[in-house]
PDB file of N, CA and C in Angstrom:
ATOM      1  N   UNK A   1      38.274  -5.668  24.291  1.00  0.00           N
ATOM      2  CA  UNK A   1      37.231  -6.640  24.537  1.00  0.00           C
ATOM      3  C   UNK A   1      36.136  -5.998  25.387  1.00  0.00           C
ATOM      4  N   UNK A   2      34.898  -6.311  25.079  1.00  0.00           N
ATOM      5  CA  UNK A   2      33.768  -5.732  25.796  1.00  0.00           C
ATOM      6  C   UNK A   2      33.506  -6.531  27.069  1.00  0.00           C
ATOM      7  N   UNK A   3      33.217  -5.803  28.130  1.00  0.00           N
ATOM      8  CA  UNK A   3      32.921  -6.423  29.410  1.00  0.00           C
ATOM      9  C   UNK A   3      31.689  -7.322  29.282  1.00  0.00           C
ATOM     10  N   UNK A   4      31.784  -8.552  29.782  1.00  0.00           N
ATOM     11  CA  UNK A   4      30.674  -9.503  29.636  1.00  0.00           C
ATOM     12  C   UNK A   4      29.453  -9.079  30.451  1.00  0.00           C
ATOM     13  N   UNK A   5      29.656  -8.467  31.625  1.00  0.00           N
ATOM     14  CA  UNK A   5      28.527  -7.980  32.426  1.00  0.00           C
ATOM     15  C   UNK A   5      27.779  -6.891  31.674  1.00  0.00           C
ATOM     16  N   UNK A   6      28.534  -6.018  31.022  1.00  0.00           N
ATOM     17  CA  UNK A   6      27.915  -4.948  30.235  1.00  0.00           C
ATOM     18  C   UNK A   6      27.079  -5.542  29.108  1.00  0.00           C
ATOM     19  N   UNK A   7      27.607  -6.560  28.441  1.00  0.00           N
ATOM     20  CA  UNK A   7      26.883  -7.187  27.335  1.00  0.00           C
ATOM     21  C   UNK A   7      25.602  -7.860  27.830  1.00  0.00           C
ATOM     22  N   UNK A   8      25.676  -8.537  28.970  1.00  0.00           N
ATOM     23  CA  UNK A   8      24.480  -9.165  29.532  1.00  0.00           C
ATOM     24  C   UNK A   8      23.411  -8.117  29.814  1.00  0.00           C
ATOM     25  N   UNK A   9      23.816  -7.021  30.428  1.00  0.00           N
ATOM     26  CA  UNK A   9      22.874  -5.948  30.752  1.00  0.00           C
ATOM     27  C   UNK A   9      22.314  -5.331  29.486  1.00  0.00           C
ATOM     28  N   UNK A  10      23.170  -5.115  28.502  1.00  0.00           N
ATOM     29  CA  UNK A  10      22.736  -4.511  27.240  1.00  0.00           C
ATOM     30  C   UNK A  10      21.730  -5.407  26.514  1.00  0.00           C
ATOM     31  N   UNK A  11      22.028  -6.698  26.457  1.00  0.00           N
ATOM     32  CA  UNK A  11      21.131  -7.647  25.789  1.00  0.00           C
ATOM     33  C   UNK A  11      19.789  -7.700  26.509  1.00  0.00           C
ATOM     34  N   UNK A  12      19.825  -7.725  27.841  1.00  0.00           N
ATOM     35  CA  UNK A  12      18.579  -7.749  28.605  1.00  0.00           C
ATOM     36  C   UNK A  12      17.769  -6.482  28.352  1.00  0.00           C
ATOM     37  N   UNK A  13      18.429  -5.329  28.309  1.00  0.00           N
ATOM     38  CA  UNK A  13      17.730  -4.063  28.073  1.00  0.00           C
ATOM     39  C   UNK A  13      17.076  -4.052  26.692  1.00  0.00           C
ATOM     40  N   UNK A  14      17.789  -4.536  25.690  1.00  0.00           N
ATOM     41  CA  UNK A  14      17.224  -4.608  24.332  1.00  0.00           C
ATOM     42  C   UNK A  14      16.032  -5.555  24.294  1.00  0.00           C
ATOM     43  N   UNK A  15      16.170  -6.695  24.932  1.00  0.00           N
ATOM     44  CA  UNK A  15      15.100  -7.687  24.978  1.00  0.00           C
ATOM     45  C   UNK A  15      13.867  -7.100  25.659  1.00  0.00           C
ATOM     46  N   UNK A  16      14.078  -6.416  26.785  1.00  0.00           N
ATOM     47  CA  UNK A  16      12.977  -5.803  27.532  1.00  0.00           C
ATOM     48  C   UNK A  16      12.293  -4.731  26.692  1.00  0.00           C
ATOM     49  N   UNK A  17      13.073  -3.911  25.999  1.00  0.00           N
ATOM     50  CA  UNK A  17      12.533  -2.834  25.157  1.00  0.00           C
ATOM     51  C   UNK A  17      11.651  -3.399  24.046  1.00  0.00           C
ATOM     52  N   UNK A  18      12.118  -4.449  23.385  1.00  0.00           N
ATOM     53  CA  UNK A  18      11.357  -5.067  22.292  1.00  0.00           C
ATOM     54  C   UNK A  18      10.049  -5.652  22.820  1.00  0.00           C
ATOM     55  N   UNK A  19      10.115  -6.370  23.940  1.00  0.00           N
ATOM     56  CA  UNK A  19       8.905  -6.971  24.499  1.00  0.00           C
ATOM     57  C   UNK A  19       7.907  -5.911  24.950  1.00  0.00           C
ATOM     58  N   UNK A  20       8.409  -4.806  25.468  1.00  0.00           N
ATOM     59  CA  UNK A  20       7.526  -3.724  25.917  1.00  0.00           C
ATOM     60  C   UNK A  20       6.734  -3.181  24.736  1.00  0.00           C
ATOM     61  N   UNK A  21       7.397  -2.972  23.602  1.00  0.00           N
ATOM     62  CA  UNK A  21       6.722  -2.442  22.420  1.00  0.00           C
ATOM     63  C   UNK A  21       5.739  -3.448  21.840  1.00  0.00           C
ATOM     64  N   UNK A  22       6.089  -4.713  21.839  1.00  0.00           N
ATOM     65  CA  UNK A  22       5.169  -5.743  21.353  1.00  0.00           C
ATOM     66  C   UNK A  22       3.928  -5.773  22.231  1.00  0.00           C
ATOM     67  N   UNK A  23       4.115  -5.649  23.540  1.00  0.00           N
ATOM     68  CA  UNK A  23       2.996  -5.665  24.476  1.00  0.00           C
ATOM     69  C   UNK A  23       2.033  -4.514  24.189  1.00  0.00           C
ATOM     70  N   UNK A  24       2.550  -3.301  23.985  1.00  0.00           N
ATOM     71  CA  UNK A  24       1.692  -2.153  23.686  1.00  0.00           C
ATOM     72  C   UNK A  24       0.976  -2.332  22.361  1.00  0.00           C
ATOM     73  N   UNK A  25       1.632  -2.963  21.409  1.00  0.00           N
ATOM     74  CA  UNK A  25       1.047  -3.217  20.097  1.00  0.00           C
ATOM     75  C   UNK A  25      -0.197  -4.091  20.233  1.00  0.00           C
ATOM     76  N   UNK A  26      -0.106  -5.140  21.053  1.00  0.00           N
ATOM     77  CA  UNK A  26      -1.240  -6.038  21.227  1.00  0.00           C
ATOM     78  C   UNK A  26      -2.332  -5.430  22.090  1.00  0.00           C
ATOM     79  N   UNK A  27      -1.963  -4.581  23.036  1.00  0.00           N
ATOM     80  CA  UNK A  27      -2.978  -3.892  23.834  1.00  0.00           C
ATOM     81  C   UNK A  27      -3.840  -3.029  22.930  1.00  0.00           C
ATOM     82  N   UNK A  28      -3.229  -2.392  21.948  1.00  0.00           N
ATOM     83  CA  UNK A  28      -3.989  -1.565  21.008  1.00  0.00           C
ATOM     84  C   UNK A  28      -4.995  -2.421  20.237  1.00  0.00           C
ATOM     85  N   UNK A  29      -4.593  -3.610  19.819  1.00  0.00           N
ATOM     86  CA  UNK A  29      -5.515  -4.502  19.115  1.00  0.00           C
ATOM     87  C   UNK A  29      -6.660  -4.938  20.028  1.00  0.00           C
ATOM     88  N   UNK A  30      -6.356  -5.223  21.306  1.00  0.00           N
ATOM     89  CA  UNK A  30      -7.407  -5.608  22.246  1.00  0.00           C
ATOM     90  C   UNK A  30      -8.423  -4.483  22.419  1.00  0.00           C
ATOM     91  N   UNK A  31      -7.926  -3.273  22.557  1.00  0.00           N
ATOM     92  CA  UNK A  31      -8.837  -2.131  22.724  1.00  0.00           C
ATOM     93  C   UNK A  31      -9.724  -1.953  21.501  1.00  0.00           C
ATOM     94  N   UNK A  32      -9.141  -2.129  20.339  1.00  0.00           N
ATOM     95  CA  UNK A  32      -9.915  -2.001  19.107  1.00  0.00           C
ATOM     96  C   UNK A  32     -11.017  -3.062  19.048  1.00  0.00           C
ATOM     97  N   UNK A  33     -10.691  -4.296  19.426  1.00  0.00           N
ATOM     98  CA  UNK A  33     -11.692  -5.363  19.438  1.00  0.00           C
ATOM     99  C   UNK A  33     -12.800  -5.085  20.454  1.00  0.00           C
ATOM    100  N   UNK A  34     -12.425  -4.536  21.618  1.00  0.00           N
ATOM    101  CA  UNK A  34     -13.431  -4.205  22.627  1.00  0.00           C
ATOM    102  C   UNK A  34     -14.385  -3.130  22.114  1.00  0.00           C
ATOM    103  N   UNK A  35     -13.846  -2.133  21.416  1.00  0.00           N
ATOM    104  CA  UNK A  35     -14.695  -1.083  20.851  1.00  0.00           C
ATOM    105  C   UNK A  35     -15.651  -1.657  19.812  1.00  0.00           C
ATOM    106  N   UNK A  36     -15.135  -2.564  18.982  1.00  0.00           N
ATOM    107  CA  UNK A  36     -15.992  -3.204  17.980  1.00  0.00           C
ATOM    108  C   UNK A  36     -17.119  -3.984  18.651  1.00  0.00           C
ATOM    109  N   UNK A  37     -16.802  -4.712  19.729  1.00  0.00           N
ATOM    110  CA  UNK A  37     -17.821  -5.475  20.445  1.00  0.00           C
ATOM    111  C   UNK A  37     -18.896  -4.561  21.024  1.00  0.00           C
ATOM    112  N   UNK A  38     -18.459  -3.468  21.670  1.00  0.00           N
ATOM    113  CA  UNK A  38     -19.417  -2.528  22.251  1.00  0.00           C
ATOM    114  C   UNK A  38     -20.335  -1.963  21.178  1.00  0.00           C
ATOM    115  N   UNK A  39     -19.733  -1.594  20.062  1.00  0.00           N
ATOM    116  CA  UNK A  39     -20.505  -1.031  18.961  1.00  0.00           C
ATOM    117  C   UNK A  39     -21.536  -2.037  18.459  1.00  0.00           C
ATOM    118  N   UNK A  40     -21.120  -3.268  18.247  1.00  0.00           N
ATOM    119  CA  UNK A  40     -22.032  -4.294  17.739  1.00  0.00           C
ATOM    120  C   UNK A  40     -23.141  -4.632  18.739  1.00  0.00           C
ATOM    121  N   UNK A  41     -22.808  -4.630  20.019  1.00  0.00           N
ATOM    122  CA  UNK A  41     -23.820  -4.940  21.036  1.00  0.00           C
ATOM    123  C   UNK A  41     -24.878  -3.849  21.166  1.00  0.00           C
ATOM    124  N   UNK A  42     -24.506  -2.624  20.850  1.00  0.00           N
ATOM    125  CA  UNK A  42     -25.448  -1.516  21.003  1.00  0.00           C
ATOM    126  C   UNK A  42     -26.377  -1.348  19.798  1.00  0.00           C
ATOM    127  N   UNK A  43     -26.118  -2.068  18.713  1.00  0.00           N
ATOM    128  CA  UNK A  43     -26.917  -1.899  17.497  1.00  0.00           C
ATOM    129  C   UNK A  43     -28.046  -2.920  17.401  1.00  0.00           C
ATOM    130  N   UNK A  44     -29.015  -2.591  16.556  1.00  0.00           N
ATOM    131  CA  UNK A  44     -30.102  -3.529  16.266  1.00  0.00           C
ATOM    132  C   UNK A  44     -29.636  -4.507  15.186  1.00  0.00           C
ATOM    133  N   UNK A  45     -30.475  -5.506  14.888  1.00  0.00           N
ATOM    134  CA  UNK A  45     -30.042  -6.615  14.031  1.00  0.00           C
ATOM    135  C   UNK A  45     -29.642  -6.181  12.620  1.00  0.00           C
ATOM    136  N   UNK A  46     -30.437  -5.335  11.947  1.00  0.00           N
ATOM    137  CA  UNK A  46     -30.093  -4.917  10.578  1.00  0.00           C
ATOM    138  C   UNK A  46     -28.816  -4.085  10.564  1.00  0.00           C
ATOM    139  N   UNK A  47     -28.743  -3.144  11.498  1.00  0.00           N
ATOM    140  CA  UNK A  47     -27.548  -2.297  11.586  1.00  0.00           C
ATOM    141  C   UNK A  47     -26.325  -3.133  11.955  1.00  0.00           C
ATOM    142  N   UNK A  48     -26.554  -4.132  12.795  1.00  0.00           N
ATOM    143  CA  UNK A  48     -25.455  -5.003  13.230  1.00  0.00           C
ATOM    144  C   UNK A  48     -24.863  -5.761  12.043  1.00  0.00           C
ATOM    145  N   UNK A  49     -25.710  -6.284  11.173  1.00  0.00           N
ATOM    146  CA  UNK A  49     -25.239  -7.013   9.991  1.00  0.00           C
ATOM    147  C   UNK A  49     -24.424  -6.108   9.076  1.00  0.00           C
ATOM    148  N   UNK A  50     -24.931  -4.896   8.844  1.00  0.00           N
ATOM    149  CA  UNK A  50     -24.213  -3.945   7.989  1.00  0.00           C
ATOM    150  C   UNK A  50     -22.858  -3.587   8.597  1.00  0.00           C
ATOM    151  N   UNK A  51     -22.862  -3.349   9.903  1.00  0.00           N
ATOM    152  CA  UNK A  51     -21.618  -2.977  10.580  1.00  0.00           C
ATOM    153  C   UNK A  51     -20.615  -4.126  10.547  1.00  0.00           C
ATOM    154  N   UNK A  52     -21.082  -5.355  10.781  1.00  0.00           N
ATOM    155  CA  UNK A  52     -20.184  -6.516  10.702  1.00  0.00           C
ATOM    156  C   UNK A  52     -19.565  -6.620   9.315  1.00  0.00           C
ATOM    157  N   UNK A  53     -20.400  -6.422   8.305  1.00  0.00           N
ATOM    158  CA  UNK A  53     -19.907  -6.479   6.927  1.00  0.00           C
ATOM    159  C   UNK A  53     -18.844  -5.409   6.690  1.00  0.00           C
ATOM    160  N   UNK A  54     -19.109  -4.181   7.146  1.00  0.00           N
ATOM    161  CA  UNK A  54     -18.134  -3.095   6.967  1.00  0.00           C
ATOM    162  C   UNK A  54     -16.829  -3.388   7.704  1.00  0.00           C
ATOM    163  N   UNK A  55     -16.929  -3.951   8.905  1.00  0.00           N
ATOM    164  CA  UNK A  55     -15.719  -4.304   9.653  1.00  0.00           C
ATOM    165  C   UNK A  55     -14.927  -5.398   8.940  1.00  0.00           C
ATOM    166  N   UNK A  56     -15.634  -6.378   8.374  1.00  0.00           N
ATOM    167  CA  UNK A  56     -14.953  -7.444   7.621  1.00  0.00           C
ATOM    168  C   UNK A  56     -14.273  -6.893   6.376  1.00  0.00           C
ATOM    169  N   UNK A  57     -14.940  -5.948   5.702  1.00  0.00           N
ATOM    170  CA  UNK A  57     -14.342  -5.321   4.517  1.00  0.00           C
ATOM    171  C   UNK A  57     -13.095  -4.545   4.916  1.00  0.00           C
ATOM    172  N   UNK A  58     -13.202  -3.806   6.026  1.00  0.00           N
ATOM    173  CA  UNK A  58     -12.059  -3.025   6.504  1.00  0.00           C
ATOM    174  C   UNK A  58     -10.874  -3.944   6.836  1.00  0.00           C
ATOM    175  N   UNK A  59     -11.149  -5.070   7.493  1.00  0.00           N
ATOM    176  CA  UNK A  59     -10.083  -6.020   7.828  1.00  0.00           C
ATOM    177  C   UNK A  59      -9.477  -6.634   6.569  1.00  0.00           C
ATOM    178  N   UNK A  60     -10.317  -6.913   5.580  1.00  0.00           N
ATOM    179  CA  UNK A  60      -9.823  -7.480   4.320  1.00  0.00           C
ATOM    180  C   UNK A  60      -8.906  -6.494   3.611  1.00  0.00           C
ATOM    181  N   UNK A  61      -9.253  -5.217   3.663  1.00  0.00           N
ATOM    182  CA  UNK A  61      -8.408  -4.185   3.041  1.00  0.00           C
ATOM    183  C   UNK A  61      -7.058  -4.133   3.741  1.00  0.00           C
ATOM    184  N   UNK A  62      -7.069  -4.178   5.070  1.00  0.00           N
ATOM    185  CA  UNK A  62      -5.809  -4.171   5.821  1.00  0.00           C
ATOM    186  C   UNK A  62      -4.958  -5.397   5.483  1.00  0.00           C
ATOM    187  N   UNK A  63      -5.594  -6.561   5.380  1.00  0.00           N
ATOM    188  CA  UNK A  63      -4.858  -7.785   5.023  1.00  0.00           C
ATOM    189  C   UNK A  63      -4.255  -7.676   3.629  1.00  0.00           C
ATOM    190  N   UNK A  64      -5.012  -7.076   2.703  1.00  0.00           N
ATOM    191  CA  UNK A  64      -4.505  -6.955   1.332  1.00  0.00           C
ATOM    192  C   UNK A  64      -3.310  -6.013   1.266  1.00  0.00           C
ATOM    193  N   UNK A  65      -3.230  -5.075   2.213  1.00  0.00           N
ATOM    194  CA  UNK A  65      -2.081  -4.162   2.273  1.00  0.00           C
ATOM    195  C   UNK A  65      -0.871  -4.826   2.924  1.00  0.00           C
ATOM    196  N   UNK A  66      -1.095  -6.013   3.485  1.00  0.00           N
ATOM    197  CA  UNK A  66       0.013  -6.738   4.100  1.00  0.00           C
ATOM    198  C   UNK A  66       0.088  -6.577   5.606  1.00  0.00           C
ATOM    199  N   UNK A  67      -0.864  -5.858   6.197  1.00  0.00           N
ATOM    200  CA  UNK A  67      -0.867  -5.688   7.645  1.00  0.00           C
ATOM    201  C   UNK A  67      -1.504  -6.906   8.298  1.00  0.00           C
ATOM    202  N   UNK A  68      -1.097  -7.172   9.533  1.00  0.00           N
ATOM    203  CA  UNK A  68      -1.673  -8.306  10.246  1.00  0.00           C
ATOM    204  C   UNK A  68      -2.958  -7.871  10.927  1.00  0.00           C
ATOM    205  N   UNK A  69      -3.955  -8.733  10.832  1.00  0.00           N
ATOM    206  CA  UNK A  69      -5.232  -8.489  11.494  1.00  0.00           C
ATOM    207  C   UNK A  69      -5.499  -9.686  12.391  1.00  0.00           C
ATOM    208  N   UNK A  70      -5.732  -9.402  13.671  1.00  0.00           N
ATOM    209  CA  UNK A  70      -5.919 -10.471  14.648  1.00  0.00           C
ATOM    210  C   UNK A  70      -7.374 -10.532  15.095  1.00  0.00           C
ATOM    211  N   UNK A  71      -7.825 -11.742  15.358  1.00  0.00           N
ATOM    212  CA  UNK A  71      -9.121 -11.889  16.007  1.00  0.00           C
ATOM    213  C   UNK A  71      -8.861 -12.076  17.503  1.00  0.00           C
ATOM    214  N   UNK A  72      -9.919 -12.143  18.270  1.00  0.00           N
ATOM    215  CA  UNK A  72      -9.776 -12.177  19.723  1.00  0.00           C
ATOM    216  C   UNK A  72      -9.026 -13.417  20.206  1.00  0.00           C
ATOM    217  N   UNK A  73      -9.325 -14.563  19.623  1.00  0.00           N
ATOM    218  CA  UNK A  73      -8.706 -15.820  20.050  1.00  0.00           C
ATOM    219  C   UNK A  73      -7.195 -15.803  19.802  1.00  0.00           C
ATOM    220  N   UNK A  74      -6.790 -15.381  18.609  1.00  0.00           N
ATOM    221  CA  UNK A  74      -5.357 -15.381  18.297  1.00  0.00           C
ATOM    222  C   UNK A  74      -4.611 -14.349  19.140  1.00  0.00           C
ATOM    223  N   UNK A  75      -5.284 -13.227  19.460  1.00  0.00           N
ATOM    224  CA  UNK A  75      -4.644 -12.229  20.315  1.00  0.00           C
ATOM    225  C   UNK A  75      -4.421 -12.765  21.724  1.00  0.00           C
ATOM    226  N   UNK A  76      -5.397 -13.497  22.248  1.00  0.00           N
ATOM    227  CA  UNK A  76      -5.241 -14.061  23.591  1.00  0.00           C
ATOM    228  C   UNK A  76      -4.102 -15.071  23.618  1.00  0.00           C
ATOM    229  N   UNK A  77      -4.043 -15.929  22.598  1.00  0.00           N
ATOM    230  CA  UNK A  77      -2.952 -16.911  22.526  1.00  0.00           C
ATOM    231  C   UNK A  77      -1.608 -16.222  22.406  1.00  0.00           C
ATOM    232  N   UNK A  78      -1.550 -15.200  21.584  1.00  0.00           N
ATOM    233  CA  UNK A  78      -0.306 -14.458  21.373  1.00  0.00           C
ATOM    234  C   UNK A  78       0.147 -13.789  22.672  1.00  0.00           C
ATOM    235  N   UNK A  79      -0.809 -13.178  23.362  1.00  0.00           N
ATOM    236  CA  UNK A  79      -0.489 -12.508  24.624  1.00  0.00           C
ATOM    237  C   UNK A  79       0.017 -13.518  25.650  1.00  0.00           C
ATOM    238  N   UNK A  80      -0.622 -14.698  25.710  1.00  0.00           N
ATOM    239  CA  UNK A  80      -0.214 -15.738  26.643  1.00  0.00           C
ATOM    240  C   UNK A  80       1.207 -16.204  26.335  1.00  0.00           C
ATOM    241  N   UNK A  81       1.523 -16.386  25.054  1.00  0.00           N
ATOM    242  CA  UNK A  81       2.870 -16.816  24.664  1.00  0.00           C
ATOM    243  C   UNK A  81       3.914 -15.769  25.017  1.00  0.00           C
ATOM    244  N   UNK A  82       3.575 -14.494  24.821  1.00  0.00           N
ATOM    245  CA  UNK A  82       4.519 -13.427  25.158  1.00  0.00           C
ATOM    246  C   UNK A  82       4.775 -13.408  26.659  1.00  0.00           C
ATOM    247  N   UNK A  83       3.715 -13.576  27.454  1.00  0.00           N
ATOM    248  CA  UNK A  83       3.889 -13.600  28.906  1.00  0.00           C
ATOM    249  C   UNK A  83       4.741 -14.789  29.344  1.00  0.00           C
ATOM    250  N   UNK A  84       4.579 -15.941  28.691  1.00  0.00           N
ATOM    251  CA  UNK A  84       5.410 -17.110  28.997  1.00  0.00           C
ATOM    252  C   UNK A  84       6.880 -16.809  28.720  1.00  0.00           C
ATOM    253  N   UNK A  85       7.141 -16.182  27.563  1.00  0.00           N
ATOM    254  CA  UNK A  85       8.523 -15.854  27.201  1.00  0.00           C
ATOM    255  C   UNK A  85       9.125 -14.867  28.189  1.00  0.00           C
ATOM    256  N   UNK A  86       8.336 -13.872  28.605  1.00  0.00           N
ATOM    257  CA  UNK A  86       8.827 -12.892  29.572  1.00  0.00           C
ATOM    258  C   UNK A  86       9.186 -13.571  30.887  1.00  0.00           C
ATOM    259  N   UNK A  87       8.293 -14.433  31.353  1.00  0.00           N
ATOM    260  CA  UNK A  87       8.530 -15.130  32.612  1.00  0.00           C
ATOM    261  C   UNK A  87       9.770 -16.016  32.515  1.00  0.00           C
ATOM    262  N   UNK A  88       9.928 -16.683  31.392  1.00  0.00           N
ATOM    263  CA  UNK A  88      11.092 -17.547  31.179  1.00  0.00           C
ATOM    264  C   UNK A  88      12.382 -16.724  31.197  1.00  0.00           C
ATOM    265  N   UNK A  89      12.362 -15.568  30.542  1.00  0.00           N
ATOM    266  CA  UNK A  89      13.566 -14.735  30.509  1.00  0.00           C
ATOM    267  C   UNK A  89      13.859 -14.147  31.886  1.00  0.00           C
ATOM    268  N   UNK A  90      12.807 -13.809  32.639  1.00  0.00           N
ATOM    269  CA  UNK A  90      13.017 -13.309  34.003  1.00  0.00           C
ATOM    270  C   UNK A  90      13.683 -14.372  34.872  1.00  0.00           C
ATOM    271  N   UNK A  91      13.207 -15.621  34.749  1.00  0.00           N
ATOM    272  CA  UNK A  91      13.798 -16.712  35.527  1.00  0.00           C
ATOM    273  C   UNK A  91      15.264 -16.904  35.165  1.00  0.00           C
ATOM    274  N   UNK A  92      15.555 -16.885  33.854  1.00  0.00           N
ATOM    275  CA  UNK A  92      16.947 -17.046  33.410  1.00  0.00           C
ATOM    276  C   UNK A  92      17.812 -15.914  33.953  1.00  0.00           C
ATOM    277  N   UNK A  93      17.282 -14.697  33.879  1.00  0.00           N
ATOM    278  CA  UNK A  93      18.032 -13.526  34.339  1.00  0.00           C
ATOM    279  C   UNK A  93      18.287 -13.627  35.840  1.00  0.00           C
ATOM    280  N   UNK A  94      17.278 -14.040  36.601  1.00  0.00           N
ATOM    281  CA  UNK A  94      17.445 -14.195  38.047  1.00  0.00           C
ATOM    282  C   UNK A  94      18.451 -15.290  38.370  1.00  0.00           C
ATOM    283  N   UNK A  95      18.434 -16.386  37.620  1.00  0.00           N
ATOM    284  CA  UNK A  95      19.396 -17.468  37.842  1.00  0.00           C
ATOM    285  C   UNK A  95      20.816 -17.007  37.557  1.00  0.00           C
ATOM    286  N   UNK A  96      20.990 -16.198  36.520  1.00  0.00           N
ATOM    287  CA  UNK A  96      22.328 -15.692  36.194  1.00  0.00           C
ATOM    288  C   UNK A  96      22.818 -14.752  37.281  1.00  0.00           C
ATOM    289  N   UNK A  97      21.923 -13.924  37.811  1.00  0.00           N
ATOM    290  CA  UNK A  97      22.316 -12.979  38.856  1.00  0.00           C
ATOM    291  C   UNK A  97      22.604 -13.682  40.176  1.00  0.00           C
ATOM    292  N   UNK A  98      21.921 -14.795  40.439  1.00  0.00           N
ATOM    293  CA  UNK A  98      22.141 -15.537  41.677  1.00  0.00           C
ATOM    294  C   UNK A  98      23.479 -16.263  41.676  1.00  0.00           C
ATOM    295  N   UNK A  99      23.945 -16.657  40.505  1.00  0.00           N
ATOM    296  CA  UNK A  99      25.205 -17.411  40.409  1.00  0.00           C
ATOM    297  C   UNK A  99      26.358 -16.536  40.635  1.00  0.00           C
TER     298      UNK A  99
END
């Protein structure tokens, strides 16, 4: 039989590892959106329209390949939900350790 303390620690480590990778994944999307914003802000109106169109085409191609493409609003909501889950799991973990 496997030690229950070991299993708790193992499950927590796996959970932490998965959340860490998800967090880095979304940070990459945020950085990409920030670069797009900077690029669009630095351009003039005609160039801005062309660039927006090219970015939309690029996102459509990614969607057609089956990859997820996030906009700024959905990324913020997603990040907020992940932080809520992390905080909830930390509280549960602390309660288990206190008992």
